[in-house]
Amino acid sequence: LPNQTKILSDLCTFQSCYFAKAICLPGEGSYGNGFISKIP
């Protein structure tokens, strides 16, 4: 399953990213908030 936060960070050529898991949906993956940043 893709890390969608990392995918968007790479497409935007941002320097840093972090995914925060809130829940795990069976068969669908971890679900939560993401953050991407040009600033470290």
PDB file of all heavy atoms in Angstrom:
ATOM      1  N   LEU A   1       0.841  -1.189   0.000  1.00  0.00           N
ATOM      2  CA  LEU A   1       0.000   0.000   0.000  1.00  0.00           C
ATOM      3  C   LEU A   1       0.882   1.248   0.000  1.00  0.00           C
ATOM      4  O   LEU A   1       1.908   1.291   0.668  1.00  0.00           O
ATOM      5  CB  LEU A   1      -0.917   0.018   1.225  1.00  0.00           C
ATOM      6  CG  LEU A   1      -1.980  -1.073   1.255  1.00  0.00           C
ATOM      7  CD1 LEU A   1      -2.608  -1.147   2.636  1.00  0.00           C
ATOM      8  CD2 LEU A   1      -3.055  -0.791   0.218  1.00  0.00           C
ATOM      9  N   PRO A   2       0.499   2.280  -0.724  1.00  0.00           N
ATOM     10  CA  PRO A   2       1.363   3.458  -0.836  1.00  0.00           C
ATOM     11  C   PRO A   2       1.302   4.353   0.402  1.00  0.00           C
ATOM     12  O   PRO A   2       0.279   4.461   1.067  1.00  0.00           O
ATOM     13  CB  PRO A   2       0.785   4.194  -2.048  1.00  0.00           C
ATOM     14  CG  PRO A   2      -0.669   3.814  -2.039  1.00  0.00           C
ATOM     15  CD  PRO A   2      -0.706   2.387  -1.556  1.00  0.00           C
ATOM     16  N   ASN A   3       2.436   4.979   0.694  1.00  0.00           N
ATOM     17  CA  ASN A   3       2.476   6.041   1.689  1.00  0.00           C
ATOM     18  C   ASN A   3       2.128   7.326   0.940  1.00  0.00           C
ATOM     19  O   ASN A   3       2.972   7.927   0.283  1.00  0.00           O
ATOM     20  CB  ASN A   3       3.866   6.130   2.320  1.00  0.00           C
ATOM     21  CG  ASN A   3       3.962   7.194   3.394  1.00  0.00           C
ATOM     22  OD1 ASN A   3       3.232   8.178   3.380  1.00  0.00           O
ATOM     23  ND2 ASN A   3       4.871   7.004   4.327  1.00  0.00           N
ATOM     24  N   GLN A   4       0.863   7.727   1.032  1.00  0.00           N
ATOM     25  CA  GLN A   4       0.403   8.848   0.222  1.00  0.00           C
ATOM     26  C   GLN A   4       1.089  10.153   0.589  1.00  0.00           C
ATOM     27  O   GLN A   4       1.314  11.012  -0.282  1.00  0.00           O
ATOM     28  CB  GLN A   4      -1.117   8.979   0.359  1.00  0.00           C
ATOM     29  CG  GLN A   4      -1.870   7.791  -0.210  1.00  0.00           C
ATOM     30  CD  GLN A   4      -3.377   7.982  -0.171  1.00  0.00           C
ATOM     31  OE1 GLN A   4      -3.917   8.584   0.749  1.00  0.00           O
ATOM     32  NE2 GLN A   4      -4.052   7.465  -1.179  1.00  0.00           N
ATOM     33  N   THR A   5       1.432  10.334   1.859  1.00  0.00           N
ATOM     34  CA  THR A   5       2.138  11.546   2.273  1.00  0.00           C
ATOM     35  C   THR A   5       3.500  11.637   1.596  1.00  0.00           C
ATOM     36  O   THR A   5       3.892  12.688   1.092  1.00  0.00           O
ATOM     37  CB  THR A   5       2.293  11.577   3.802  1.00  0.00           C
ATOM     38  OG1 THR A   5       1.000  11.511   4.410  1.00  0.00           O
ATOM     39  CG2 THR A   5       3.001  12.841   4.262  1.00  0.00           C
ATOM     40  N   LYS A   6       4.212  10.513   1.569  1.00  0.00           N
ATOM     41  CA  LYS A   6       5.538  10.487   0.924  1.00  0.00           C
ATOM     42  C   LYS A   6       5.405  10.717  -0.578  1.00  0.00           C
ATOM     43  O   LYS A   6       6.239  11.424  -1.185  1.00  0.00           O
ATOM     44  CB  LYS A   6       6.205   9.135   1.198  1.00  0.00           C
ATOM     45  CG  LYS A   6       7.583   8.963   0.565  1.00  0.00           C
ATOM     46  CD  LYS A   6       8.603   9.894   1.209  1.00  0.00           C
ATOM     47  CE  LYS A   6      10.044   9.499   0.901  1.00  0.00           C
ATOM     48  NZ  LYS A   6      10.368   9.398  -0.531  1.00  0.00           N
ATOM     49  N   ILE A   7       4.386  10.153  -1.202  1.00  0.00           N
ATOM     50  CA  ILE A   7       4.180  10.352  -2.638  1.00  0.00           C
ATOM     51  C   ILE A   7       3.988  11.830  -2.960  1.00  0.00           C
ATOM     52  O   ILE A   7       4.609  12.377  -3.876  1.00  0.00           O
ATOM     53  CB  ILE A   7       2.981   9.528  -3.138  1.00  0.00           C
ATOM     54  CG1 ILE A   7       3.319   8.034  -3.127  1.00  0.00           C
ATOM     55  CG2 ILE A   7       2.559   9.963  -4.546  1.00  0.00           C
ATOM     56  CD1 ILE A   7       2.145   7.140  -3.413  1.00  0.00           C
ATOM     57  N   LEU A   8       3.127  12.518  -2.187  1.00  0.00           N
ATOM     58  CA  LEU A   8       2.896  13.943  -2.447  1.00  0.00           C
ATOM     59  C   LEU A   8       4.150  14.763  -2.158  1.00  0.00           C
ATOM     60  O   LEU A   8       4.472  15.705  -2.893  1.00  0.00           O
ATOM     61  CB  LEU A   8       1.725  14.455  -1.609  1.00  0.00           C
ATOM     62  CG  LEU A   8       0.336  13.978  -2.004  1.00  0.00           C
ATOM     63  CD1 LEU A   8      -0.732  14.755  -1.237  1.00  0.00           C
ATOM     64  CD2 LEU A   8       0.092  14.108  -3.497  1.00  0.00           C
ATOM     65  N   SER A   9       4.864  14.399  -1.099  1.00  0.00           N
ATOM     66  CA  SER A   9       6.098  15.113  -0.775  1.00  0.00           C
ATOM     67  C   SER A   9       7.100  14.992  -1.922  1.00  0.00           C
ATOM     68  O   SER A   9       7.735  15.976  -2.322  1.00  0.00           O
ATOM     69  CB  SER A   9       6.702  14.555   0.513  1.00  0.00           C
ATOM     70  OG  SER A   9       7.872  15.259   0.874  1.00  0.00           O
ATOM     71  N   ASP A  10       7.225  13.792  -2.481  1.00  0.00           N
ATOM     72  CA  ASP A  10       8.166  13.587  -3.585  1.00  0.00           C
ATOM     73  C   ASP A  10       7.721  14.330  -4.843  1.00  0.00           C
ATOM     74  O   ASP A  10       8.542  14.943  -5.540  1.00  0.00           O
ATOM     75  CB  ASP A  10       8.301  12.095  -3.888  1.00  0.00           C
ATOM     76  CG  ASP A  10       9.060  11.340  -2.805  1.00  0.00           C
ATOM     77  OD1 ASP A  10       9.705  12.000  -1.965  1.00  0.00           O
ATOM     78  OD2 ASP A  10       8.994  10.092  -2.795  1.00  0.00           O
ATOM     79  N   LEU A  11       6.422  14.277  -5.156  1.00  0.00           N
ATOM     80  CA  LEU A  11       5.923  14.967  -6.347  1.00  0.00           C
ATOM     81  C   LEU A  11       6.126  16.477  -6.246  1.00  0.00           C
ATOM     82  O   LEU A  11       6.358  17.151  -7.255  1.00  0.00           O
ATOM     83  CB  LEU A  11       4.445  14.650  -6.565  1.00  0.00           C
ATOM     84  CG  LEU A  11       4.107  13.257  -7.098  1.00  0.00           C
ATOM     85  CD1 LEU A  11       2.590  13.037  -7.100  1.00  0.00           C
ATOM     86  CD2 LEU A  11       4.656  13.066  -8.512  1.00  0.00           C
ATOM     87  N   CYS A  12       6.023  16.994  -5.028  1.00  0.00           N
ATOM     88  CA  CYS A  12       6.198  18.439  -4.816  1.00  0.00           C
ATOM     89  C   CYS A  12       7.654  18.806  -4.560  1.00  0.00           C
ATOM     90  O   CYS A  12       7.963  19.995  -4.402  1.00  0.00           O
ATOM     91  CB  CYS A  12       5.344  18.894  -3.633  1.00  0.00           C
ATOM     92  SG  CYS A  12       3.570  18.753  -3.900  1.00  0.00           S
ATOM     93  N   THR A  13       8.533  17.810  -4.527  1.00  0.00           N
ATOM     94  CA  THR A  13       9.962  17.975  -4.219  1.00  0.00           C
ATOM     95  C   THR A  13      10.165  18.718  -2.899  1.00  0.00           C
ATOM     96  O   THR A  13      11.010  19.606  -2.786  1.00  0.00           O
ATOM     97  CB  THR A  13      10.731  18.660  -5.365  1.00  0.00           C
ATOM     98  OG1 THR A  13      10.248  19.994  -5.569  1.00  0.00           O
ATOM     99  CG2 THR A  13      10.607  17.867  -6.659  1.00  0.00           C
ATOM    100  N   PHE A  14       9.348  18.364  -1.899  1.00  0.00           N
ATOM    101  CA  PHE A  14       9.515  18.924  -0.568  1.00  0.00           C
ATOM    102  C   PHE A  14      10.597  18.137   0.168  1.00  0.00           C
ATOM    103  O   PHE A  14      10.828  16.961  -0.114  1.00  0.00           O
ATOM    104  CB  PHE A  14       8.200  18.861   0.209  1.00  0.00           C
ATOM    105  CG  PHE A  14       7.243  19.986  -0.104  1.00  0.00           C
ATOM    106  CD1 PHE A  14       7.325  20.710  -1.282  1.00  0.00           C
ATOM    107  CD2 PHE A  14       6.237  20.325   0.788  1.00  0.00           C
ATOM    108  CE1 PHE A  14       6.438  21.742  -1.562  1.00  0.00           C
ATOM    109  CE2 PHE A  14       5.352  21.357   0.516  1.00  0.00           C
ATOM    110  CZ  PHE A  14       5.451  22.066  -0.656  1.00  0.00           C
ATOM    111  N   GLN A  15      11.218  18.779   1.136  1.00  0.00           N
ATOM    112  CA  GLN A  15      12.354  18.178   1.814  1.00  0.00           C
ATOM    113  C   GLN A  15      11.955  17.147   2.856  1.00  0.00           C
ATOM    114  O   GLN A  15      12.640  16.140   3.052  1.00  0.00           O
ATOM    115  CB  GLN A  15      13.199  19.281   2.474  1.00  0.00           C
ATOM    116  CG  GLN A  15      14.443  18.764   3.175  1.00  0.00           C
ATOM    117  CD  GLN A  15      15.373  19.875   3.596  1.00  0.00           C
ATOM    118  OE1 GLN A  15      15.204  21.018   3.220  1.00  0.00           O
ATOM    119  NE2 GLN A  15      16.377  19.544   4.387  1.00  0.00           N
ATOM    120  N   SER A  16      10.825  17.377   3.553  1.00  0.00           N
ATOM    121  CA  SER A  16      10.484  16.549   4.705  1.00  0.00           C
ATOM    122  C   SER A  16       9.013  16.171   4.677  1.00  0.00           C
ATOM    123  O   SER A  16       8.172  16.907   4.137  1.00  0.00           O
ATOM    124  CB  SER A  16      10.775  17.297   6.014  1.00  0.00           C
ATOM    125  OG  SER A  16      12.121  17.712   6.091  1.00  0.00           O
ATOM    126  N   CYS A  17       8.695  15.028   5.290  1.00  0.00           N
ATOM    127  CA  CYS A  17       7.300  14.642   5.423  1.00  0.00           C
ATOM    128  C   CYS A  17       7.124  13.749   6.647  1.00  0.00           C
ATOM    129  O   CYS A  17       8.087  13.153   7.150  1.00  0.00           O
ATOM    130  CB  CYS A  17       6.796  13.944   4.170  1.00  0.00           C
ATOM    131  SG  CYS A  17       7.523  12.312   3.852  1.00  0.00           S
ATOM    132  N   TYR A  18       5.879  13.666   7.118  1.00  0.00           N
ATOM    133  CA  TYR A  18       5.565  12.818   8.270  1.00  0.00           C
ATOM    134  C   TYR A  18       4.106  12.400   8.174  1.00  0.00           C
ATOM    135  O   TYR A  18       3.235  13.215   7.835  1.00  0.00           O
ATOM    136  CB  TYR A  18       5.799  13.577   9.583  1.00  0.00           C
ATOM    137  CG  TYR A  18       5.489  12.765  10.823  1.00  0.00           C
ATOM    138  CD1 TYR A  18       6.381  11.797  11.270  1.00  0.00           C
ATOM    139  CD2 TYR A  18       4.308  12.965  11.537  1.00  0.00           C
ATOM    140  CE1 TYR A  18       6.101  11.045  12.412  1.00  0.00           C
ATOM    141  CE2 TYR A  18       4.024  12.221  12.674  1.00  0.00           C
ATOM    142  CZ  TYR A  18       4.926  11.260  13.100  1.00  0.00           C
ATOM    143  OH  TYR A  18       4.649  10.521  14.222  1.00  0.00           O
ATOM    144  N   PHE A  19       3.842  11.124   8.447  1.00  0.00           N
ATOM    145  CA  PHE A  19       2.485  10.601   8.488  1.00  0.00           C
ATOM    146  C   PHE A  19       2.124  10.243   9.914  1.00  0.00           C
ATOM    147  O   PHE A  19       2.904   9.593  10.624  1.00  0.00           O
ATOM    148  CB  PHE A  19       2.349   9.363   7.597  1.00  0.00           C
ATOM    149  CG  PHE A  19       1.039   8.635   7.773  1.00  0.00           C
ATOM    150  CD1 PHE A  19      -0.133   9.160   7.241  1.00  0.00           C
ATOM    151  CD2 PHE A  19       0.975   7.450   8.489  1.00  0.00           C
ATOM    152  CE1 PHE A  19      -1.340   8.508   7.422  1.00  0.00           C
ATOM    153  CE2 PHE A  19      -0.227   6.783   8.667  1.00  0.00           C
ATOM    154  CZ  PHE A  19      -1.394   7.316   8.128  1.00  0.00           C
ATOM    155  N   ALA A  20       0.931  10.662  10.362  1.00  0.00           N
ATOM    156  CA  ALA A  20       0.449  10.386  11.717  1.00  0.00           C
ATOM    157  C   ALA A  20      -0.753   9.448  11.635  1.00  0.00           C
ATOM    158  O   ALA A  20      -1.815   9.836  11.150  1.00  0.00           O
ATOM    159  CB  ALA A  20       0.070  11.682  12.422  1.00  0.00           C
ATOM    160  N   LYS A  21      -0.575   8.227  12.113  1.00  0.00           N
ATOM    161  CA  LYS A  21      -1.629   7.217  12.054  1.00  0.00           C
ATOM    162  C   LYS A  21      -2.648   7.427  13.167  1.00  0.00           C
ATOM    163  O   LYS A  21      -2.306   7.514  14.340  1.00  0.00           O
ATOM    164  CB  LYS A  21      -1.013   5.826  12.182  1.00  0.00           C
ATOM    165  CG  LYS A  21      -2.018   4.708  12.322  1.00  0.00           C
ATOM    166  CD  LYS A  21      -1.305   3.388  12.595  1.00  0.00           C
ATOM    167  CE  LYS A  21      -2.278   2.300  12.979  1.00  0.00           C
ATOM    168  NZ  LYS A  21      -1.582   1.031  13.312  1.00  0.00           N
ATOM    169  N   ALA A  22      -3.921   7.498  12.775  1.00  0.00           N
ATOM    170  CA  ALA A  22      -5.003   7.571  13.751  1.00  0.00           C
ATOM    171  C   ALA A  22      -5.654   6.202  13.937  1.00  0.00           C
ATOM    172  O   ALA A  22      -5.911   5.771  15.060  1.00  0.00           O
ATOM    173  CB  ALA A  22      -6.052   8.597  13.317  1.00  0.00           C
ATOM    174  N   ILE A  23      -5.936   5.523  12.829  1.00  0.00           N
ATOM    175  CA  ILE A  23      -6.584   4.214  12.875  1.00  0.00           C
ATOM    176  C   ILE A  23      -6.008   3.320  11.783  1.00  0.00           C
ATOM    177  O   ILE A  23      -5.319   3.802  10.876  1.00  0.00           O
ATOM    178  CB  ILE A  23      -8.121   4.323  12.679  1.00  0.00           C
ATOM    179  CG1 ILE A  23      -8.453   5.018  11.346  1.00  0.00           C
ATOM    180  CG2 ILE A  23      -8.775   5.032  13.847  1.00  0.00           C
ATOM    181  CD1 ILE A  23      -9.933   5.013  11.004  1.00  0.00           C
ATOM    182  N   CYS A  24      -6.305   2.024  11.879  1.00  0.00           N
ATOM    183  CA  CYS A  24      -5.983   1.082  10.823  1.00  0.00           C
ATOM    184  C   CYS A  24      -7.286   0.492  10.317  1.00  0.00           C
ATOM    185  O   CYS A  24      -8.054  -0.090  11.094  1.00  0.00           O
ATOM    186  CB  CYS A  24      -5.057  -0.017  11.334  1.00  0.00           C
ATOM    187  SG  CYS A  24      -4.466  -1.115  10.026  1.00  0.00           S
ATOM    188  N   LEU A  25      -7.562   0.668   9.038  1.00  0.00           N
ATOM    189  CA  LEU A  25      -8.779   0.151   8.431  1.00  0.00           C
ATOM    190  C   LEU A  25      -8.469  -1.196   7.791  1.00  0.00           C
ATOM    191  O   LEU A  25      -7.590  -1.284   6.927  1.00  0.00           O
ATOM    192  CB  LEU A  25      -9.302   1.129   7.375  1.00  0.00           C
ATOM    193  CG  LEU A  25      -9.687   2.519   7.904  1.00  0.00           C
ATOM    194  CD1 LEU A  25     -10.020   3.447   6.751  1.00  0.00           C
ATOM    195  CD2 LEU A  25     -10.861   2.426   8.858  1.00  0.00           C
ATOM    196  N   PRO A  26      -9.126  -2.264   8.207  1.00  0.00           N
ATOM    197  CA  PRO A  26      -8.827  -3.604   7.687  1.00  0.00           C
ATOM    198  C   PRO A  26      -8.876  -3.649   6.164  1.00  0.00           C
ATOM    199  O   PRO A  26      -9.851  -3.229   5.542  1.00  0.00           O
ATOM    200  CB  PRO A  26      -9.940  -4.471   8.295  1.00  0.00           C
ATOM    201  CG  PRO A  26     -10.338  -3.746   9.547  1.00  0.00           C
ATOM    202  CD  PRO A  26     -10.201  -2.288   9.212  1.00  0.00           C
ATOM    203  N   GLY A  27      -7.795  -4.115   5.585  1.00  0.00           N
ATOM    204  CA  GLY A  27      -7.724  -4.232   4.138  1.00  0.00           C
ATOM    205  C   GLY A  27      -7.453  -2.941   3.408  1.00  0.00           C
ATOM    206  O   GLY A  27      -7.297  -2.946   2.188  1.00  0.00           O
ATOM    207  N   GLU A  28      -7.386  -1.837   4.135  1.00  0.00           N
ATOM    208  CA  GLU A  28      -7.210  -0.542   3.486  1.00  0.00           C
ATOM    209  C   GLU A  28      -5.966   0.206   3.959  1.00  0.00           C
ATOM    210  O   GLU A  28      -5.468   1.064   3.256  1.00  0.00           O
ATOM    211  CB  GLU A  28      -8.456   0.329   3.713  1.00  0.00           C
ATOM    212  CG  GLU A  28      -9.720  -0.248   3.091  1.00  0.00           C
ATOM    213  CD  GLU A  28     -10.911   0.669   3.249  1.00  0.00           C
ATOM    214  OE1 GLU A  28     -10.724   1.804   3.729  1.00  0.00           O
ATOM    215  OE2 GLU A  28     -12.030   0.262   2.903  1.00  0.00           O
ATOM    216  N   GLY A  29      -5.461  -0.086   5.147  1.00  0.00           N
ATOM    217  CA  GLY A  29      -4.227   0.523   5.607  1.00  0.00           C
ATOM    218  C   GLY A  29      -4.406   1.517   6.733  1.00  0.00           C
ATOM    219  O   GLY A  29      -5.514   1.769   7.207  1.00  0.00           O
ATOM    220  N   SER A  30      -3.290   2.064   7.187  1.00  0.00           N
ATOM    221  CA  SER A  30      -3.300   3.097   8.224  1.00  0.00           C
ATOM    222  C   SER A  30      -3.876   4.381   7.655  1.00  0.00           C
ATOM    223  O   SER A  30      -3.644   4.719   6.493  1.00  0.00           O
ATOM    224  CB  SER A  30      -1.883   3.336   8.736  1.00  0.00           C
ATOM    225  OG  SER A  30      -1.351   2.158   9.292  1.00  0.00           O
ATOM    226  N   TYR A  31      -4.597   5.110   8.496  1.00  0.00           N
ATOM    227  CA  TYR A  31      -5.339   6.286   8.045  1.00  0.00           C
ATOM    228  C   TYR A  31      -5.138   7.400   9.065  1.00  0.00           C
ATOM    229  O   TYR A  31      -5.210   7.166  10.279  1.00  0.00           O
ATOM    230  CB  TYR A  31      -6.822   5.922   7.952  1.00  0.00           C
ATOM    231  CG  TYR A  31      -7.670   6.796   7.070  1.00  0.00           C
ATOM    232  CD1 TYR A  31      -7.379   6.973   5.726  1.00  0.00           C
ATOM    233  CD2 TYR A  31      -8.813   7.420   7.576  1.00  0.00           C
ATOM    234  CE1 TYR A  31      -8.192   7.745   4.901  1.00  0.00           C
ATOM    235  CE2 TYR A  31      -9.629   8.190   6.761  1.00  0.00           C
ATOM    236  CZ  TYR A  31      -9.316   8.346   5.422  1.00  0.00           C
ATOM    237  OH  TYR A  31     -10.118   9.106   4.614  1.00  0.00           O
ATOM    238  N   GLY A  32      -4.873   8.596   8.581  1.00  0.00           N
ATOM    239  CA  GLY A  32      -4.675   9.693   9.518  1.00  0.00           C
ATOM    240  C   GLY A  32      -4.303  10.990   8.823  1.00  0.00           C
ATOM    241  O   GLY A  32      -4.781  11.283   7.721  1.00  0.00           O
ATOM    242  N   ASN A  33      -3.416  11.752   9.456  1.00  0.00           N
ATOM    243  CA  ASN A  33      -2.995  13.055   8.956  1.00  0.00           C
ATOM    244  C   ASN A  33      -1.579  12.979   8.399  1.00  0.00           C
ATOM    245  O   ASN A  33      -0.771  12.145   8.812  1.00  0.00           O
ATOM    246  CB  ASN A  33      -3.030  14.092  10.089  1.00  0.00           C
ATOM    247  CG  ASN A  33      -4.413  14.265  10.668  1.00  0.00           C
ATOM    248  OD1 ASN A  33      -5.392  14.357   9.931  1.00  0.00           O
ATOM    249  ND2 ASN A  33      -4.506  14.304  11.991  1.00  0.00           N
ATOM    250  N   GLY A  34      -1.282  13.875   7.477  1.00  0.00           N
ATOM    251  CA  GLY A  34       0.058  13.970   6.923  1.00  0.00           C
ATOM    252  C   GLY A  34       0.562  15.401   6.954  1.00  0.00           C
ATOM    253  O   GLY A  34      -0.211  16.350   7.123  1.00  0.00           O
ATOM    254  N   PHE A  35       1.862  15.527   6.776  1.00  0.00           N
ATOM    255  CA  PHE A  35       2.467  16.861   6.742  1.00  0.00           C
ATOM    256  C   PHE A  35       3.663  16.802   5.808  1.00  0.00           C
ATOM    257  O   PHE A  35       4.498  15.893   5.901  1.00  0.00           O
ATOM    258  CB  PHE A  35       2.903  17.283   8.139  1.00  0.00           C
ATOM    259  CG  PHE A  35       3.607  18.617   8.198  1.00  0.00           C
ATOM    260  CD1 PHE A  35       2.934  19.786   7.850  1.00  0.00           C
ATOM    261  CD2 PHE A  35       4.935  18.706   8.581  1.00  0.00           C
ATOM    262  CE1 PHE A  35       3.572  21.020   7.891  1.00  0.00           C
ATOM    263  CE2 PHE A  35       5.583  19.929   8.631  1.00  0.00           C
ATOM    264  CZ  PHE A  35       4.900  21.083   8.284  1.00  0.00           C
ATOM    265  N   ILE A  36       3.741  17.761   4.883  1.00  0.00           N
ATOM    266  CA  ILE A  36       4.889  17.877   3.990  1.00  0.00           C
ATOM    267  C   ILE A  36       5.448  19.290   4.094  1.00  0.00           C
ATOM    268  O   ILE A  36       4.710  20.244   4.303  1.00  0.00           O
ATOM    269  CB  ILE A  36       4.531  17.520   2.536  1.00  0.00           C
ATOM    270  CG1 ILE A  36       3.468  18.460   1.960  1.00  0.00           C
ATOM    271  CG2 ILE A  36       4.041  16.071   2.445  1.00  0.00           C
ATOM    272  CD1 ILE A  36       3.163  18.202   0.476  1.00  0.00           C
ATOM    273  N   SER A  37       6.771  19.405   3.956  1.00  0.00           N
ATOM    274  CA  SER A  37       7.405  20.680   4.266  1.00  0.00           C
ATOM    275  C   SER A  37       8.683  20.892   3.469  1.00  0.00           C
ATOM    276  O   SER A  37       9.486  19.967   3.298  1.00  0.00           O
ATOM    277  CB  SER A  37       7.735  20.718   5.772  1.00  0.00           C
ATOM    278  OG  SER A  37       8.435  21.891   6.115  1.00  0.00           O
ATOM    279  N   LYS A  38       8.845  22.117   2.983  1.00  0.00           N
ATOM    280  CA  LYS A  38      10.122  22.526   2.404  1.00  0.00           C
ATOM    281  C   LYS A  38      11.149  22.793   3.505  1.00  0.00           C
ATOM    282  O   LYS A  38      12.357  22.775   3.249  1.00  0.00           O
ATOM    283  CB  LYS A  38       9.945  23.791   1.560  1.00  0.00           C
ATOM    284  CG  LYS A  38       9.141  23.600   0.289  1.00  0.00           C
ATOM    285  CD  LYS A  38       9.039  24.908  -0.481  1.00  0.00           C
ATOM    286  CE  LYS A  38       8.246  24.743  -1.765  1.00  0.00           C
ATOM    287  NZ  LYS A  38       8.107  26.033  -2.492  1.00  0.00           N
ATOM    288  N   ILE A  39      10.655  23.068   4.703  1.00  0.00           N
ATOM    289  CA  ILE A  39      11.517  23.348   5.853  1.00  0.00           C
ATOM    290  C   ILE A  39      11.802  22.039   6.571  1.00  0.00           C
ATOM    291  O   ILE A  39      10.884  21.236   6.785  1.00  0.00           O
ATOM    292  CB  ILE A  39      10.836  24.345   6.806  1.00  0.00           C
ATOM    293  CG1 ILE A  39      10.461  25.631   6.058  1.00  0.00           C
ATOM    294  CG2 ILE A  39      11.722  24.658   8.004  1.00  0.00           C
ATOM    295  CD1 ILE A  39       9.527  26.538   6.822  1.00  0.00           C
ATOM    296  N   PRO A  40      13.047  21.768   6.962  1.00  0.00           N
ATOM    297  CA  PRO A  40      13.353  20.496   7.629  1.00  0.00           C
ATOM    298  C   PRO A  40      12.517  20.278   8.893  1.00  0.00           C
ATOM    299  O   PRO A  40      12.303  21.199   9.676  1.00  0.00           O
ATOM    300  CB  PRO A  40      14.842  20.631   7.969  1.00  0.00           C
ATOM    301  CG  PRO A  40      15.378  21.609   6.971  1.00  0.00           C
ATOM    302  CD  PRO A  40      14.261  22.587   6.739  1.00  0.00           C
TER     303      PRO A  40
END
